[in-house]
C-alpha cells in the first residue's frame, strides 16, 4: 500500500506521480529528491509533471492530504453518526487514528518531516496544514456534534479538548514507533492506550450522568 490514497477522481498520470514521489521521499528523504527523479520514476515527462504540480512542496502536501482523507474516509459510520456514548466513541476513534498513524509507511512520512522540516520550513508547514490542522478540524466538528447532543459539559473548551485528546494518544508508544525503537505495533498495544485517553477526556469534560428519576418526573408533585 502506498502512502497515498488511490481515488477514482485522480488521473493515472497524476497517480503515478504521487506514488513515485511518495516512494522516493521515503527512501531518500525530501532534500535529495529532484523533480527530474520524480518524472523518471513516474515515467512521465517534466512538462507533464509540472502541469500537475508546481514543485516538491505541492507534491508532498498532496500526499499528506490524501492520507488525511483516507483516514477520515475509514472512520466507522457509527462514529460519524454519533451513535455511541462519548467514551466508547473516543476509544474507537483513538484506536482508528493510532492504527493508521502507526503504519510503517505513514511513520516513514512523519520521519521525513521531522528530519528535514528545520531545513525546509515550507515542508514542515505543508505537513502541519495538511495533516494535524486538518485532523484537528475534523475532531472539532465531531466534538461540536457531541456537545450538541448534551454529551459534553456546556462550557467544555472544544479546541483544548481536541488538543488534549491528541496529546494523550501521541504518548510513549507513538514516540518509540516514530523513532524506530518499537517492534510491530498491534491492536493489543493500541486499544488500551486509546481507551485510557478516551476515559480521561470523558471524565474531564463529559456531561454529568442524569440523576435517577430525571427522565421520569414525579407526576404527583404539586398535587
C-alpha atoms as a PDB file:
ATOM      1  CA  UNK A   1       0.000   0.000   0.000  1.00  0.00           C
ATOM      2  CA  UNK A   2       1.425   3.400  -0.925  1.00  0.00           C
ATOM      3  CA  UNK A   3       1.378   6.478   1.255  1.00  0.00           C
ATOM      4  CA  UNK A   4      -1.276   7.991  -0.937  1.00  0.00           C
ATOM      5  CA  UNK A   5      -4.880   7.043  -1.401  1.00  0.00           C
ATOM      6  CA  UNK A   6      -5.995   5.877  -4.803  1.00  0.00           C
ATOM      7  CA  UNK A   7      -9.182   7.668  -5.742  1.00  0.00           C
ATOM      8  CA  UNK A   8     -11.322   7.412  -8.828  1.00  0.00           C
ATOM      9  CA  UNK A   9     -11.045  11.168  -9.429  1.00  0.00           C
ATOM     10  CA  UNK A  10      -7.255  11.137  -9.934  1.00  0.00           C
ATOM     11  CA  UNK A  11      -5.912  10.530 -13.427  1.00  0.00           C
ATOM     12  CA  UNK A  12      -3.473   7.629 -13.970  1.00  0.00           C
ATOM     13  CA  UNK A  13      -0.574  10.011 -14.645  1.00  0.00           C
ATOM     14  CA  UNK A  14      -1.230  12.050 -11.521  1.00  0.00           C
ATOM     15  CA  UNK A  15      -1.489   8.826  -9.515  1.00  0.00           C
ATOM     16  CA  UNK A  16       1.806   7.588 -10.953  1.00  0.00           C
ATOM     17  CA  UNK A  17       3.472  10.873  -9.997  1.00  0.00           C
ATOM     18  CA  UNK A  18       2.137  10.810  -6.423  1.00  0.00           C
ATOM     19  CA  UNK A  19       3.091   7.177  -5.867  1.00  0.00           C
ATOM     20  CA  UNK A  20       6.581   7.658  -7.321  1.00  0.00           C
ATOM     21  CA  UNK A  21       7.176  10.787  -5.247  1.00  0.00           C
ATOM     22  CA  UNK A  22       5.983   9.082  -2.054  1.00  0.00           C
ATOM     23  CA  UNK A  23       8.382   6.179  -2.575  1.00  0.00           C
ATOM     24  CA  UNK A  24      11.312   8.486  -3.328  1.00  0.00           C
ATOM     25  CA  UNK A  25      10.625  10.701  -0.306  1.00  0.00           C
ATOM     26  CA  UNK A  26      10.514   7.643   1.969  1.00  0.00           C
ATOM     27  CA  UNK A  27      13.667   6.122   0.542  1.00  0.00           C
ATOM     28  CA  UNK A  28      15.847   9.214   0.142  1.00  0.00           C
ATOM     29  CA  UNK A  29      14.289  11.987   2.217  1.00  0.00           C
ATOM     30  CA  UNK A  30      12.883  15.232   0.884  1.00  0.00           C
ATOM     31  CA  UNK A  31      16.027  17.217   0.065  1.00  0.00           C
ATOM     32  CA  UNK A  32      17.847  14.794  -2.246  1.00  0.00           C
ATOM     33  CA  UNK A  33      14.788  14.076  -4.396  1.00  0.00           C
ATOM     34  CA  UNK A  34      14.588  16.199  -7.541  1.00  0.00           C
ATOM     35  CA  UNK A  35      11.634  16.781  -9.798  1.00  0.00           C
ATOM     36  CA  UNK A  36      13.685  15.115 -12.550  1.00  0.00           C
ATOM     37  CA  UNK A  37      13.915  11.983 -10.393  1.00  0.00           C
ATOM     38  CA  UNK A  38      10.170  12.026  -9.784  1.00  0.00           C
ATOM     39  CA  UNK A  39       9.487  12.345 -13.516  1.00  0.00           C
ATOM     40  CA  UNK A  40      11.781   9.407 -14.286  1.00  0.00           C
ATOM     41  CA  UNK A  41      10.286   7.212 -11.550  1.00  0.00           C
ATOM     42  CA  UNK A  42       6.734   8.048 -12.661  1.00  0.00           C
ATOM     43  CA  UNK A  43       7.666   7.606 -16.339  1.00  0.00           C
ATOM     44  CA  UNK A  44       6.251  10.968 -17.337  1.00  0.00           C
ATOM     45  CA  UNK A  45       7.805  13.984 -18.990  1.00  0.00           C
ATOM     46  CA  UNK A  46       8.881  17.009 -16.957  1.00  0.00           C
ATOM     47  CA  UNK A  47       6.249  19.035 -18.779  1.00  0.00           C
ATOM     48  CA  UNK A  48       3.569  16.594 -17.599  1.00  0.00           C
ATOM     49  CA  UNK A  49       4.958  16.643 -14.075  1.00  0.00           C
ATOM     50  CA  UNK A  50       4.896  20.448 -13.847  1.00  0.00           C
ATOM     51  CA  UNK A  51       1.453  20.544 -15.417  1.00  0.00           C
ATOM     52  CA  UNK A  52       0.230  18.660 -12.325  1.00  0.00           C
ATOM     53  CA  UNK A  53       2.499  20.041  -9.580  1.00  0.00           C
ATOM     54  CA  UNK A  54       4.431  23.299  -9.256  1.00  0.00           C
ATOM     55  CA  UNK A  55       7.179  21.686  -7.178  1.00  0.00           C
ATOM     56  CA  UNK A  56       8.133  19.223  -4.468  1.00  0.00           C
ATOM     57  CA  UNK A  57       6.268  21.151  -1.763  1.00  0.00           C
ATOM     58  CA  UNK A  58       2.993  20.817  -3.655  1.00  0.00           C
ATOM     59  CA  UNK A  59       3.674  17.121  -4.249  1.00  0.00           C
ATOM     60  CA  UNK A  60       4.405  16.456  -0.609  1.00  0.00           C
ATOM     61  CA  UNK A  61       1.375  18.407   0.573  1.00  0.00           C
ATOM     62  CA  UNK A  62      -0.989  16.428  -1.638  1.00  0.00           C
ATOM     63  CA  UNK A  63       0.478  13.133  -0.397  1.00  0.00           C
ATOM     64  CA  UNK A  64      -0.216  14.208   3.186  1.00  0.00           C
ATOM     65  CA  UNK A  65      -3.696  15.489   2.323  1.00  0.00           C
ATOM     66  CA  UNK A  66      -4.574  12.176   0.707  1.00  0.00           C
ATOM     67  CA  UNK A  67      -3.508  10.331   3.827  1.00  0.00           C
ATOM     68  CA  UNK A  68      -5.791  12.520   5.908  1.00  0.00           C
ATOM     69  CA  UNK A  69      -8.680  11.927   3.516  1.00  0.00           C
ATOM     70  CA  UNK A  70      -8.015   8.209   3.675  1.00  0.00           C
ATOM     71  CA  UNK A  71      -8.030   8.205   7.457  1.00  0.00           C
ATOM     72  CA  UNK A  72     -11.261  10.198   7.569  1.00  0.00           C
ATOM     73  CA  UNK A  73     -12.926   8.031   4.924  1.00  0.00           C
ATOM     74  CA  UNK A  74     -12.236   4.963   7.048  1.00  0.00           C
ATOM     75  CA  UNK A  75     -13.854   6.403  10.184  1.00  0.00           C
ATOM     76  CA  UNK A  76     -16.661   3.995  11.131  1.00  0.00           C
ATOM     77  CA  UNK A  77     -20.082   5.334  10.178  1.00  0.00           C
ATOM     78  CA  UNK A  78     -21.328   4.866  13.744  1.00  0.00           C
ATOM     79  CA  UNK A  79     -18.807   7.490  14.866  1.00  0.00           C
ATOM     80  CA  UNK A  80     -19.788   9.955  12.172  1.00  0.00           C
ATOM     81  CA  UNK A  81     -23.434   9.453  13.130  1.00  0.00           C
ATOM     82  CA  UNK A  82     -22.742   9.958  16.870  1.00  0.00           C
ATOM     83  CA  UNK A  83     -24.377   6.614  17.577  1.00  0.00           C
ATOM     84  CA  UNK A  84     -22.198   5.714  20.583  1.00  0.00           C
ATOM     85  CA  UNK A  85     -21.673   7.191  24.068  1.00  0.00           C
ATOM     86  CA  UNK A  86     -18.817   9.697  24.344  1.00  0.00           C
ATOM     87  CA  UNK A  87     -16.174   7.477  25.980  1.00  0.00           C
ATOM     88  CA  UNK A  88     -16.834   4.473  23.745  1.00  0.00           C
ATOM     89  CA  UNK A  89     -16.769   6.659  20.637  1.00  0.00           C
ATOM     90  CA  UNK A  90     -13.497   8.347  21.648  1.00  0.00           C
ATOM     91  CA  UNK A  91     -11.910   4.975  22.349  1.00  0.00           C
ATOM     92  CA  UNK A  92     -12.885   3.700  18.914  1.00  0.00           C
ATOM     93  CA  UNK A  93     -11.791   6.922  17.240  1.00  0.00           C
ATOM     94  CA  UNK A  94      -8.435   6.859  19.040  1.00  0.00           C
ATOM     95  CA  UNK A  95      -7.874   3.239  18.038  1.00  0.00           C
ATOM     96  CA  UNK A  96      -8.708   4.059  14.421  1.00  0.00           C
ATOM     97  CA  UNK A  97      -6.352   7.035  14.268  1.00  0.00           C
ATOM     98  CA  UNK A  98      -3.450   5.373  16.071  1.00  0.00           C
ATOM     99  CA  UNK A  99      -3.769   2.264  13.921  1.00  0.00           C
ATOM    100  CA  UNK A 100      -3.417   4.465  10.850  1.00  0.00           C
ATOM    101  CA  UNK A 101      -0.714   6.799  12.145  1.00  0.00           C
ATOM    102  CA  UNK A 102       1.461   3.895  13.277  1.00  0.00           C
ATOM    103  CA  UNK A 103       1.506   2.166   9.910  1.00  0.00           C
ATOM    104  CA  UNK A 104       5.167   1.791   8.836  1.00  0.00           C
ATOM    105  CA  UNK A 105       4.735   3.876   5.685  1.00  0.00           C
ATOM    106  CA  UNK A 106       2.921   6.685   7.478  1.00  0.00           C
ATOM    107  CA  UNK A 107       5.656   6.714  10.129  1.00  0.00           C
ATOM    108  CA  UNK A 108       8.215   6.996   7.338  1.00  0.00           C
ATOM    109  CA  UNK A 109       6.454  10.092   6.025  1.00  0.00           C
ATOM    110  CA  UNK A 110       6.468  11.608   9.508  1.00  0.00           C
ATOM    111  CA  UNK A 111      10.205  10.924   9.869  1.00  0.00           C
ATOM    112  CA  UNK A 112      10.869  12.769   6.603  1.00  0.00           C
ATOM    113  CA  UNK A 113       9.199  15.866   8.048  1.00  0.00           C
ATOM    114  CA  UNK A 114      10.988  15.605  11.403  1.00  0.00           C
ATOM    115  CA  UNK A 115      14.391  15.163   9.777  1.00  0.00           C
ATOM    116  CA  UNK A 116      14.058  17.903   7.155  1.00  0.00           C
ATOM    117  CA  UNK A 117      11.469  20.324   8.494  1.00  0.00           C
ATOM    118  CA  UNK A 118      14.014  22.689  10.074  1.00  0.00           C
ATOM    119  CA  UNK A 119      15.983  22.899   6.833  1.00  0.00           C
ATOM    120  CA  UNK A 120      12.892  23.188   4.643  1.00  0.00           C
ATOM    121  CA  UNK A 121      10.282  25.166   6.640  1.00  0.00           C
ATOM    122  CA  UNK A 122       7.855  25.000   3.715  1.00  0.00           C
ATOM    123  CA  UNK A 123       7.833  21.221   4.078  1.00  0.00           C
ATOM    124  CA  UNK A 124       7.004  21.419   7.784  1.00  0.00           C
ATOM    125  CA  UNK A 125       4.280  23.994   7.126  1.00  0.00           C
ATOM    126  CA  UNK A 126       2.733  21.889   4.360  1.00  0.00           C
ATOM    127  CA  UNK A 127       2.689  18.832   6.609  1.00  0.00           C
ATOM    128  CA  UNK A 128       1.258  20.758   9.555  1.00  0.00           C
ATOM    129  CA  UNK A 129      -1.505  22.343   7.483  1.00  0.00           C
ATOM    130  CA  UNK A 130      -2.438  19.204   5.575  1.00  0.00           C
ATOM    131  CA  UNK A 131      -2.067  16.796   8.495  1.00  0.00           C
ATOM    132  CA  UNK A 132      -2.561  17.933  12.105  1.00  0.00           C
ATOM    133  CA  UNK A 133      -4.641  21.028  11.279  1.00  0.00           C
ATOM    134  CA  UNK A 134      -6.978  19.051   9.028  1.00  0.00           C
ATOM    135  CA  UNK A 135      -7.454  16.274  11.576  1.00  0.00           C
ATOM    136  CA  UNK A 136      -7.992  18.741  14.406  1.00  0.00           C
ATOM    137  CA  UNK A 137     -10.665  20.478  12.344  1.00  0.00           C
ATOM    138  CA  UNK A 138     -12.470  17.176  11.804  1.00  0.00           C
ATOM    139  CA  UNK A 139     -12.273  16.367  15.521  1.00  0.00           C
ATOM    140  CA  UNK A 140     -13.558  19.826  16.483  1.00  0.00           C
ATOM    141  CA  UNK A 141     -16.576  19.365  14.226  1.00  0.00           C
ATOM    142  CA  UNK A 142     -17.186  15.945  15.738  1.00  0.00           C
ATOM    143  CA  UNK A 143     -16.867  17.265  19.294  1.00  0.00           C
ATOM    144  CA  UNK A 144     -19.327  20.041  18.447  1.00  0.00           C
ATOM    145  CA  UNK A 145     -21.770  17.325  17.407  1.00  0.00           C
ATOM    146  CA  UNK A 146     -21.242  15.566  20.725  1.00  0.00           C
ATOM    147  CA  UNK A 147     -21.765  18.843  22.597  1.00  0.00           C
ATOM    148  CA  UNK A 148     -24.994  19.482  20.683  1.00  0.00           C
ATOM    149  CA  UNK A 149     -26.214  16.095  21.912  1.00  0.00           C
ATOM    150  CA  UNK A 150     -25.514  17.038  25.528  1.00  0.00           C
ATOM    151  CA  UNK A 151     -22.611  14.613  25.960  1.00  0.00           C
ATOM    152  CA  UNK A 152     -20.044  17.275  26.885  1.00  0.00           C
ATOM    153  CA  UNK A 153     -20.140  19.863  29.644  1.00  0.00           C
ATOM    154  CA  UNK A 154     -21.759  23.065  28.343  1.00  0.00           C
ATOM    155  CA  UNK A 155     -18.580  25.089  28.942  1.00  0.00           C
ATOM    156  CA  UNK A 156     -16.144  22.450  27.623  1.00  0.00           C
ATOM    157  CA  UNK A 157     -13.373  24.260  25.652  1.00  0.00           C
ATOM    158  CA  UNK A 158     -13.547  22.211  22.466  1.00  0.00           C
ATOM    159  CA  UNK A 159     -10.153  23.274  20.975  1.00  0.00           C
ATOM    160  CA  UNK A 160      -8.441  22.305  24.237  1.00  0.00           C
ATOM    161  CA  UNK A 161     -10.384  19.034  24.416  1.00  0.00           C
ATOM    162  CA  UNK A 162      -9.183  18.141  20.906  1.00  0.00           C
ATOM    163  CA  UNK A 163      -5.583  19.118  21.693  1.00  0.00           C
ATOM    164  CA  UNK A 164      -5.528  17.097  24.895  1.00  0.00           C
ATOM    165  CA  UNK A 165      -7.044  14.036  23.231  1.00  0.00           C
ATOM    166  CA  UNK A 166      -4.371  14.092  20.523  1.00  0.00           C
ATOM    167  CA  UNK A 167      -1.649  14.623  23.141  1.00  0.00           C
ATOM    168  CA  UNK A 168      -2.831  11.616  25.141  1.00  0.00           C
ATOM    169  CA  UNK A 169      -2.784   9.448  22.026  1.00  0.00           C
ATOM    170  CA  UNK A 170       0.683  10.554  20.945  1.00  0.00           C
ATOM    171  CA  UNK A 171       2.433   9.251  24.025  1.00  0.00           C
ATOM    172  CA  UNK A 172       5.328   6.860  24.536  1.00  0.00           C
ATOM    173  CA  UNK A 173       4.096   4.274  22.031  1.00  0.00           C
ATOM    174  CA  UNK A 174       3.861   6.869  19.264  1.00  0.00           C
ATOM    175  CA  UNK A 175       7.280   8.302  20.134  1.00  0.00           C
ATOM    176  CA  UNK A 176       9.016   4.923  20.183  1.00  0.00           C
ATOM    177  CA  UNK A 177       7.379   3.897  16.920  1.00  0.00           C
ATOM    178  CA  UNK A 178       8.339   7.186  15.253  1.00  0.00           C
ATOM    179  CA  UNK A 179      11.946   6.752  16.384  1.00  0.00           C
ATOM    180  CA  UNK A 180      12.005   3.174  15.146  1.00  0.00           C
ATOM    181  CA  UNK A 181      12.503   1.816  18.665  1.00  0.00           C
ATOM    182  CA  UNK A 182       9.451  -0.431  18.765  1.00  0.00           C
ATOM    183  CA  UNK A 183       8.697  -3.675  17.014  1.00  0.00           C
ATOM    184  CA  UNK A 184       5.491  -4.240  15.066  1.00  0.00           C
ATOM    185  CA  UNK A 185       2.601  -2.390  16.702  1.00  0.00           C
ATOM    186  CA  UNK A 186      -0.593  -4.388  17.162  1.00  0.00           C
ATOM    187  CA  UNK A 187      -4.137  -3.630  18.308  1.00  0.00           C
ATOM    188  CA  UNK A 188      -3.178  -5.113  21.689  1.00  0.00           C
ATOM    189  CA  UNK A 189      -0.788  -2.151  22.044  1.00  0.00           C
ATOM    190  CA  UNK A 190      -3.162   0.432  20.630  1.00  0.00           C
ATOM    191  CA  UNK A 191      -6.539  -0.312  22.194  1.00  0.00           C
ATOM    192  CA  UNK A 192      -5.574   0.123  25.889  1.00  0.00           C
ATOM    193  CA  UNK A 193      -3.877   3.432  25.104  1.00  0.00           C
ATOM    194  CA  UNK A 194      -6.896   4.711  23.162  1.00  0.00           C
ATOM    195  CA  UNK A 195      -9.248   3.539  25.908  1.00  0.00           C
ATOM    196  CA  UNK A 196      -7.219   5.346  28.574  1.00  0.00           C
ATOM    197  CA  UNK A 197      -7.193   8.575  26.537  1.00  0.00           C
ATOM    198  CA  UNK A 198     -10.948   8.336  25.987  1.00  0.00           C
ATOM    199  CA  UNK A 199     -11.592   7.685  29.691  1.00  0.00           C
ATOM    200  CA  UNK A 200      -9.519  10.730  30.703  1.00  0.00           C
ATOM    201  CA  UNK A 201     -11.334  13.050  28.292  1.00  0.00           C
ATOM    202  CA  UNK A 202     -14.759  11.700  29.275  1.00  0.00           C
ATOM    203  CA  UNK A 203     -14.019  12.221  32.970  1.00  0.00           C
ATOM    204  CA  UNK A 204     -12.655  15.719  32.432  1.00  0.00           C
ATOM    205  CA  UNK A 205     -15.255  17.040  30.020  1.00  0.00           C
ATOM    206  CA  UNK A 206     -18.134  14.580  29.763  1.00  0.00           C
ATOM    207  CA  UNK A 207     -21.572  15.707  30.839  1.00  0.00           C
ATOM    208  CA  UNK A 208     -22.594  14.533  34.293  1.00  0.00           C
ATOM    209  CA  UNK A 209     -24.846  11.466  34.248  1.00  0.00           C
ATOM    210  CA  UNK A 210     -28.505  12.271  34.637  1.00  0.00           C
ATOM    211  CA  UNK A 211     -29.747  11.874  38.180  1.00  0.00           C
ATOM    212  CA  UNK A 212     -32.004   8.919  38.830  1.00  0.00           C
ATOM    213  CA  UNK A 213     -35.546   9.944  38.067  1.00  0.00           C
ATOM    214  CA  UNK A 214     -34.593  12.907  35.876  1.00  0.00           C
ATOM    215  CA  UNK A 215     -36.166  11.224  32.877  1.00  0.00           C
ATOM    216  CA  UNK A 216     -39.294  10.355  34.849  1.00  0.00           C
ATOM    217  CA  UNK A 217     -40.595  13.470  36.641  1.00  0.00           C
ATOM    218  CA  UNK A 218     -42.831  12.952  39.639  1.00  0.00           C
ATOM    219  CA  UNK A 219     -46.304  13.487  38.245  1.00  0.00           C
ATOM    220  CA  UNK A 220     -47.667  13.823  41.787  1.00  0.00           C
ATOM    221  CA  UNK A 221     -45.541  16.881  42.543  1.00  0.00           C
ATOM    222  CA  UNK A 222     -47.698  19.834  43.397  1.00  0.00           C
ATOM    223  CA  UNK A 223     -50.802  17.736  43.882  1.00  0.00           C
END
